Amino acid sequence: MDARVSAAIPADAKPRLMRGVRLREDPARGFVLLAPERVLTANPTAVEVLKRCDGERTLAAIVDDLAATFLADRVRIAADVEALLADLSAKRMVAL
């Protein structure tokens, strides 16, 4: 496992959904992130990342798991996961 995922989010960060935020499946919209007075639709890629954001796994472990599960390039996965989590963190949906 690479000790460093990126400079912006430490590899040992343990991302989790913020208090009050839930990932739910909606029959009409698919998966959504529900927060007080906000709803964001999550695409299938985001859902796979968010399902792993349990506050127990590190960012590096999440990236490793996704790379192994989808047989994809770890560097690209790391960049995509970091971008997603940074965006959701700025929206106060994910705690890093």
Protein backbone atom coordinates (compact mmCIF):
# COMPACT_ATOMS: atom_id res chain seq x y z
CA MET A 1 0.00 0.00 0.00
CA ASP A 2 1.25 3.47 -0.87
CA ALA A 3 1.89 5.52 2.27
CA ARG A 4 0.73 8.69 0.56
CA VAL A 5 -2.54 9.14 -1.35
CA SER A 6 -2.15 12.87 -1.92
CA ALA A 7 -0.88 16.05 -0.38
CA ALA A 8 -4.32 17.54 0.19
CA ILE A 9 -5.95 14.68 2.13
CA PRO A 10 -3.67 12.56 4.32
CA ALA A 11 -3.58 8.84 3.51
CA ASP A 12 -4.45 8.07 7.13
CA ALA A 13 -7.60 10.24 7.13
CA LYS A 14 -10.70 8.23 8.02
CA PRO A 15 -13.52 9.79 6.01
CA ARG A 16 -17.09 9.46 7.23
CA LEU A 17 -20.42 11.05 6.52
CA MET A 18 -21.05 14.12 8.67
CA ARG A 19 -23.54 13.85 11.49
CA GLY A 20 -27.05 14.04 10.06
CA VAL A 21 -25.97 13.01 6.54
CA ARG A 22 -27.24 9.70 5.18
CA LEU A 23 -26.69 7.75 1.97
CA ARG A 24 -30.06 6.34 0.93
CA GLU A 25 -31.53 4.67 -2.10
CA ASP A 26 -34.50 6.58 -3.48
CA PRO A 27 -36.80 4.70 -5.89
CA ALA A 28 -37.17 7.75 -8.14
CA ARG A 29 -33.61 9.16 -8.09
CA GLY A 30 -31.33 6.26 -7.24
CA PHE A 31 -28.85 6.87 -4.42
CA VAL A 32 -28.94 10.25 -2.73
CA LEU A 33 -27.06 11.96 0.07
CA LEU A 34 -29.59 13.38 2.49
CA ALA A 35 -28.63 16.22 4.79
CA PRO A 36 -30.72 18.77 6.64
CA GLU A 37 -32.49 20.76 3.92
CA ARG A 38 -30.24 19.32 1.16
CA VAL A 39 -30.33 16.38 -1.19
CA LEU A 40 -27.52 15.43 -3.59
CA THR A 41 -27.87 12.69 -6.17
CA ALA A 42 -24.91 10.29 -6.04
CA ASN A 43 -23.70 8.60 -9.22
CA PRO A 44 -22.65 4.91 -9.06
CA THR A 45 -18.98 5.82 -8.65
CA ALA A 46 -19.69 8.14 -5.72
CA VAL A 47 -21.88 5.47 -4.12
CA GLU A 48 -19.01 2.96 -4.17
CA VAL A 49 -16.73 5.50 -2.48
CA LEU A 50 -19.30 6.65 0.07
CA LYS A 51 -20.21 3.10 1.09
CA ARG A 52 -16.60 2.71 2.22
CA CYS A 53 -16.50 5.99 4.18
CA ASP A 54 -17.33 4.48 7.55
CA GLY A 55 -14.88 6.39 9.75
CA GLU A 56 -12.91 3.17 10.29
CA ARG A 57 -11.07 2.76 6.99
CA THR A 58 -8.32 5.11 5.99
CA LEU A 59 -8.31 6.93 2.69
CA ALA A 60 -5.44 4.70 1.54
CA ALA A 61 -7.43 1.55 2.43
CA ILE A 62 -10.49 2.84 0.56
CA VAL A 63 -8.38 3.55 -2.53
CA ASP A 64 -6.71 0.13 -2.32
CA ASP A 65 -10.08 -1.60 -1.98
CA LEU A 66 -11.57 0.24 -4.94
CA ALA A 67 -8.50 -0.42 -7.11
CA ALA A 68 -8.65 -4.14 -6.28
CA THR A 69 -12.43 -4.41 -6.66
CA PHE A 70 -12.56 -2.68 -10.03
CA LEU A 71 -9.11 -3.69 -11.31
CA ALA A 72 -8.30 -0.07 -12.00
CA ASP A 73 -5.20 2.09 -11.79
CA ARG A 74 -4.60 3.05 -8.16
CA VAL A 75 -3.22 6.51 -9.01
CA ARG A 76 -6.31 7.43 -11.02
CA ILE A 77 -8.64 6.03 -8.34
CA ALA A 78 -6.78 8.02 -5.67
CA ALA A 79 -7.17 11.25 -7.64
CA ASP A 80 -10.88 10.67 -8.26
CA VAL A 81 -11.61 9.67 -4.65
CA GLU A 82 -9.72 12.67 -3.31
CA ALA A 83 -11.55 15.07 -5.63
CA LEU A 84 -14.93 13.63 -4.62
CA LEU A 85 -14.18 13.71 -0.90
CA ALA A 86 -12.70 17.22 -1.05
CA ASP A 87 -15.84 18.46 -2.83
CA LEU A 88 -18.18 16.75 -0.35
CA SER A 89 -16.08 18.01 2.56
CA ALA A 90 -16.41 21.59 1.27
CA LYS A 91 -20.20 21.03 1.17
CA ARG A 92 -20.03 19.73 4.76
CA MET A 93 -21.33 16.30 3.75
CA VAL A 94 -18.15 14.32 4.59
CA ALA A 95 -15.76 14.66 7.51
CA LEU A 96 -12.11 13.97 6.83
